[in-house]
Protein backbone atom coordinates (compact mmCIF):
# COMPACT_ATOMS: atom_id res chain seq x y z
CA MET A 1 3.44 -24.44 -2.16
CA LEU A 2 2.15 -27.30 -0.01
CA ASP A 3 -1.45 -28.43 -0.24
CA GLU A 4 -3.72 -27.91 2.77
CA GLU A 5 -3.15 -31.39 4.21
CA GLU A 6 0.63 -31.09 3.98
CA LEU A 7 0.53 -27.57 5.36
CA HIS A 8 -1.46 -28.62 8.41
CA ALA A 9 0.85 -31.58 8.96
CA LEU A 10 3.81 -29.19 8.94
CA ALA A 11 1.98 -26.87 11.33
CA GLU A 12 1.38 -29.75 13.73
CA ASP A 13 5.06 -30.70 13.61
CA ILE A 14 6.09 -27.10 14.31
CA ARG A 15 3.62 -26.92 17.18
CA GLU A 16 5.16 -30.03 18.77
CA HIS A 17 8.84 -29.56 17.95
CA GLY A 18 9.22 -25.90 17.08
CA LEU A 19 10.48 -24.35 13.86
CA ARG A 20 13.67 -26.21 12.97
CA GLN A 21 14.65 -24.08 9.97
CA PRO A 22 14.16 -20.29 10.05
CA VAL A 23 12.46 -18.35 7.27
CA VAL A 24 15.09 -16.79 5.01
CA LEU A 25 14.72 -13.15 3.93
CA ASP A 26 16.71 -10.98 1.59
CA ALA A 27 18.06 -7.56 2.57
CA THR A 28 14.70 -5.91 1.74
CA GLY A 29 12.63 -8.35 3.78
CA ARG A 30 11.36 -10.40 0.85
CA ILE A 31 10.99 -14.11 1.58
CA LEU A 32 13.59 -16.15 -0.28
CA ASP A 33 12.84 -19.47 1.37
CA GLY A 34 10.19 -20.56 3.85
CA LYS A 35 6.77 -19.43 2.65
CA ASN A 36 5.31 -22.78 3.68
CA ARG A 37 7.05 -22.66 7.06
CA LEU A 38 5.77 -19.14 7.65
CA ARG A 39 2.21 -20.11 6.82
CA ALA A 40 2.48 -23.24 8.99
CA CYS A 41 3.71 -21.10 11.91
CA GLU A 42 0.65 -18.88 11.51
CA ILE A 43 -1.61 -21.94 11.59
CA ALA A 44 0.22 -23.39 14.60
CA GLY A 45 0.25 -20.07 16.46
CA VAL A 46 4.05 -20.18 16.72
CA GLU A 47 6.21 -17.08 16.36
CA PRO A 48 8.45 -17.69 13.31
CA GLU A 49 12.19 -17.15 13.32
CA TYR A 50 13.89 -15.20 10.55
CA ILE A 51 17.40 -14.96 9.20
CA THR A 52 18.72 -12.71 6.45
CA TYR A 53 20.55 -14.12 3.45
CA GLU A 54 24.00 -12.56 3.36
CA GLY A 55 25.22 -13.86 0.01
CA ASP A 56 25.50 -11.87 -3.20
CA ASP A 57 23.25 -13.98 -5.46
CA ALA A 58 19.79 -14.35 -3.98
CA ARG A 59 18.43 -15.76 -7.23
CA ALA A 60 20.93 -18.62 -7.27
CA TYR A 61 20.16 -19.33 -3.62
CA VAL A 62 16.41 -19.62 -4.27
CA LEU A 63 16.98 -21.89 -7.25
CA SER A 64 19.35 -24.07 -5.26
CA VAL A 65 17.18 -24.64 -2.19
CA ASN A 66 14.06 -25.31 -4.24
CA SER A 67 15.65 -27.67 -6.75
CA ARG A 68 17.22 -29.75 -3.95
CA ARG A 69 14.14 -29.90 -1.79
CA ARG A 70 11.86 -32.02 -3.97
CA HIS A 71 11.40 -33.38 -7.45
CA LEU A 72 10.01 -30.64 -9.63
CA THR A 73 8.70 -30.58 -13.16
CA LYS A 74 10.40 -28.25 -15.61
CA GLY A 75 7.35 -26.02 -15.45
CA GLN A 76 7.57 -25.73 -11.67
CA LEU A 77 11.31 -25.08 -11.76
CA ALA A 78 10.85 -22.46 -14.51
CA MET A 79 8.23 -20.70 -12.38
CA ILE A 80 10.48 -20.75 -9.33
CA ALA A 81 13.32 -19.41 -11.46
CA ALA A 82 11.19 -16.59 -12.87
CA SER A 83 9.99 -15.66 -9.39
CA ALA A 84 13.55 -15.57 -8.12
CA CYS A 85 14.92 -13.38 -10.90
CA SER A 86 16.24 -10.04 -9.65
CA VAL A 87 16.37 -6.83 -11.63
CA SER A 88 19.71 -6.40 -13.37
CA GLU A 89 21.04 -4.66 -16.44
CA HIS A 90 23.88 -5.58 -18.76
CA ALA A 91 25.21 -3.45 -21.54
CA GLY A 92 24.00 -4.51 -24.94
CA ARG A 93 21.33 -6.86 -23.56
CA SER A 94 17.86 -6.38 -22.28
CA GLU A 95 17.16 -7.33 -18.67
CA THR A 96 14.82 -10.09 -19.80
CA GLU A 97 17.33 -11.64 -22.20
CA GLN A 98 20.23 -11.51 -19.73
CA THR A 99 18.24 -12.94 -16.83
CA ALA A 100 16.70 -15.70 -18.94
CA ARG A 101 20.08 -16.77 -20.28
CA SER A 102 21.62 -16.75 -16.81
CA VAL A 103 18.83 -18.83 -15.27
CA SER A 104 18.86 -21.18 -18.25
CA GLU A 105 22.54 -21.85 -17.69
CA GLN A 106 22.00 -22.50 -13.99
CA THR A 107 18.98 -24.78 -14.32
CA GLY A 108 19.33 -26.39 -17.73
CA LEU A 109 15.87 -25.13 -18.65
CA SER A 110 15.22 -23.73 -22.11
CA ILE A 111 15.03 -19.95 -22.47
CA GLY A 112 11.59 -20.39 -24.01
CA ARG A 113 10.29 -22.19 -20.92
CA ILE A 114 11.66 -19.52 -18.63
CA GLY A 115 10.12 -16.88 -20.87
CA GLN A 116 6.73 -18.54 -20.48
CA ALA A 117 7.11 -18.45 -16.71
CA ARG A 118 8.06 -14.77 -16.81
CA THR A 119 4.93 -14.07 -18.87
CA VAL A 120 2.83 -15.78 -16.18
CA LEU A 121 4.61 -13.76 -13.50
CA ARG A 122 3.79 -10.48 -15.26
CA HIS A 123 0.29 -11.08 -16.58
CA ALA A 124 -1.22 -13.83 -14.39
CA PRO A 125 0.51 -13.47 -10.99
CA ASP A 126 -2.39 -15.14 -9.21
CA LEU A 127 -1.42 -18.43 -10.92
CA VAL A 128 2.23 -18.40 -9.83
CA ASP A 129 1.73 -20.31 -6.58
CA GLY A 130 -0.48 -22.83 -8.37
CA VAL A 131 2.24 -23.55 -10.91
CA ILE A 132 4.92 -23.89 -8.23
CA SER A 133 2.75 -26.27 -6.20
CA GLY A 134 1.88 -28.31 -9.27
CA ALA A 135 -1.84 -27.55 -9.07
CA VAL A 136 -1.68 -25.68 -12.39
CA SER A 137 0.53 -26.60 -15.32
CA LEU A 138 2.83 -23.94 -16.73
CA ASP A 139 1.24 -24.47 -20.14
CA ASP A 140 -2.25 -23.68 -18.81
CA ALA A 141 -0.98 -20.71 -16.81
CA TYR A 142 0.91 -19.40 -19.84
CA LYS A 143 -2.25 -19.62 -21.96
CA ALA A 144 -4.19 -17.66 -19.35
CA ALA A 145 -1.37 -15.11 -19.11
CA ARG A 146 -1.35 -14.57 -22.88
CA GLU A 147 -5.10 -13.99 -22.83
CA ALA A 148 -4.71 -11.51 -19.97
CA LYS A 149 -1.92 -9.75 -21.87
CA ALA A 150 -4.06 -9.55 -25.00
CA GLN A 151 -6.88 -8.00 -23.00
CA ALA A 152 -4.49 -5.50 -21.42
CA ASP A 153 -3.03 -4.60 -24.82
CA SER A 154 -6.54 -4.20 -26.19
CA ALA A 155 -7.47 -1.91 -23.30
CA GLU A 156 -4.37 0.22 -23.91
CA SER A 157 -5.21 0.43 -27.60
CA GLN A 158 -8.80 1.43 -26.84
CA LEU A 159 -7.59 4.09 -24.39
CA ALA A 160 -5.22 5.52 -27.01
CA ARG A 161 -8.07 5.70 -29.51
CA LEU A 162 -10.31 7.30 -26.86
CA ARG A 163 -7.67 10.00 -26.26
CA VAL A 164 -8.03 10.99 -29.91
CA GLU A 165 -11.83 10.83 -30.12
CA ASP A 166 -12.80 12.06 -26.65
CA PRO A 167 -9.90 13.32 -24.45
CA GLN A 168 -12.19 14.18 -21.54
CA LEU A 169 -13.49 10.63 -21.28
CA ALA A 170 -9.92 9.32 -21.57
CA ASP A 171 -8.90 11.53 -18.63
CA ARG A 172 -11.73 10.09 -16.54
CA VAL A 173 -10.44 6.59 -17.30
CA VAL A 174 -6.92 7.54 -16.24
CA GLU A 175 -8.28 9.11 -13.03
CA GLY A 176 -10.18 5.91 -12.24
CA GLU A 177 -13.70 7.34 -12.61
CA LEU A 178 -14.50 5.04 -15.53
CA THR A 179 -13.27 1.79 -16.98
CA VAL A 180 -12.27 1.76 -20.63
CA GLN A 181 -15.40 -0.25 -21.42
CA GLY A 182 -17.54 2.18 -19.41
CA ALA A 183 -16.02 5.16 -21.22
CA TRP A 184 -16.75 3.67 -24.63
CA ALA A 185 -20.29 2.85 -23.53
CA GLU A 186 -20.78 6.48 -22.48
CA ARG A 187 -19.31 7.71 -25.75
CA LYS A 188 -21.63 5.41 -27.69
CA ALA A 189 -24.61 6.76 -25.75
CA ARG A 190 -23.51 10.33 -26.49
CA LEU A 191 -23.13 9.60 -30.19
CA GLU A 192 -26.55 7.96 -30.31
CA GLU A 193 -28.14 10.96 -28.56
CA ASP A 194 -26.36 13.32 -30.94
CA LEU A 195 -27.67 11.33 -33.90
CA ARG A 196 -31.19 11.41 -32.46
CA GLN A 197 -31.06 15.20 -32.06
CA ARG A 198 -29.70 15.69 -35.57
CA ARG A 199 -32.45 13.48 -36.97
CA VAL A 200 -35.14 15.48 -35.14
CA ALA A 201 -33.67 18.80 -36.31
CA THR A 202 -33.33 17.58 -39.88
CA ASN A 203 -36.92 16.33 -40.02
CA LEU A 204 -38.18 19.62 -38.57
CA LEU A 205 -36.30 21.77 -41.08
CA CYS A 206 -37.30 19.52 -43.96
CA GLU A 207 -40.96 19.89 -42.99
CA VAL A 208 -40.97 23.64 -42.32
CA LEU A 209 -38.62 25.29 -44.80
CA PRO A 210 -39.77 23.65 -48.07
CA ALA A 211 -43.39 24.46 -47.15
CA LEU A 212 -42.42 28.07 -46.38
CA ALA A 213 -40.49 28.35 -49.63
CA GLN A 214 -43.51 27.15 -51.61
CA ILE A 215 -45.68 30.12 -50.56
CA ARG A 216 -43.11 32.67 -51.73
CA GLY A 217 -44.74 34.94 -54.35
CA SER A 218 -48.09 33.15 -54.04
CA ARG A 219 -49.66 35.69 -51.67
CA THR A 220 -50.91 32.70 -49.67
CA PHE A 221 -49.89 34.53 -46.49
CA ALA A 222 -52.36 37.31 -47.43
CA GLN A 223 -55.17 34.86 -46.77
CA TYR A 224 -54.06 34.31 -43.17
CA ASP A 225 -57.02 34.51 -40.75
CA PRO A 226 -56.03 34.79 -37.06
CA GLU A 227 -59.43 33.49 -36.01
CA LEU A 228 -58.72 30.20 -37.72
CA ALA A 229 -55.24 29.74 -36.19
CA PRO A 230 -54.80 26.65 -33.98
CA PRO A 231 -54.57 27.40 -30.24
CA GLY A 232 -51.10 28.53 -29.28
CA ARG A 233 -49.87 28.68 -32.87
CA ALA A 234 -51.06 32.09 -34.05
CA VAL A 235 -48.72 33.90 -36.45
CA THR A 236 -47.95 37.31 -34.95
CA ARG A 237 -45.49 40.02 -35.97
CA GLU A 238 -43.19 38.77 -33.22
CA VAL A 239 -43.34 35.23 -34.59
CA ILE A 240 -42.56 36.55 -38.09
CA GLU A 241 -39.58 38.52 -36.76
CA HIS A 242 -38.28 35.45 -34.96
CA ALA A 243 -38.81 33.37 -38.07
CA ALA A 244 -36.89 35.91 -40.16
CA THR A 245 -34.03 35.85 -37.65
CA ALA A 246 -34.04 32.07 -37.70
CA LEU A 247 -33.90 32.05 -41.51
CA ALA A 248 -30.94 34.42 -41.44
CA GLU A 249 -29.16 32.22 -38.92
CA ILE A 250 -29.91 29.11 -41.00
CA ALA A 251 -28.53 30.83 -44.11
CA ALA A 252 -25.32 31.71 -42.21
CA VAL A 253 -24.86 28.12 -41.03
CA TRP A 254 -25.46 26.77 -44.56
CA LYS A 255 -22.84 29.19 -45.87
CA ASP A 256 -20.29 28.22 -43.19
CA ARG A 257 -20.86 24.52 -43.88
CA ASP A 258 -20.83 25.12 -47.62
CA LEU A 259 -24.15 23.31 -48.00
CA PRO A 260 -26.14 23.65 -51.26
């Protein structure tokens, strides 16, 4: 990609002399050659002309016109090559391996360099134009792409773990209601609230039941005086019935949980 000064110079030339070389498209309308010319036409207010590439190897065409047009670093050429790669399949080889080998043979670039460019294309697409223009080195873009890939892999791993621990939250992530980080934050809050409630319940039972157990057989309850009961805490027959029911329910839970 041209820098702003070069782009405006091209726009001025197109405004004065017209577009000398049409923008080249493939059969699907994707731009194979002429992104700068198209942008310059937009700046100049000139209607661009288009032609459709009629050959059978669009990738080779893109590599050819770009490599002839100006001196490029290997990183720039690798990025152009990766951008030009079309989807193809060959028996016994993965698409990535076949395409990388083919482009390597055409350009003389190493497969490793082309692989770095493909990683940038997949995981840091916003840096592609910067690499092609020379504003960003392929090495720097590749480093950023690896970091982005690691973050994506981490997010996928966290989502898989969330599916096991809390499927409902995982579904909300998939539906776009929550981010993975937001879902884990909500789960953490739920777990903390659950722990708080269990702590309150445990403290309450540990205060009430041992004290109740201590008066068994002591006839302490026979000394109960309703006139001395604190306001709102009088022990009535109804309260005793509810307490008995609660004790039976507690005993059932302890049995189910096999607690001592």
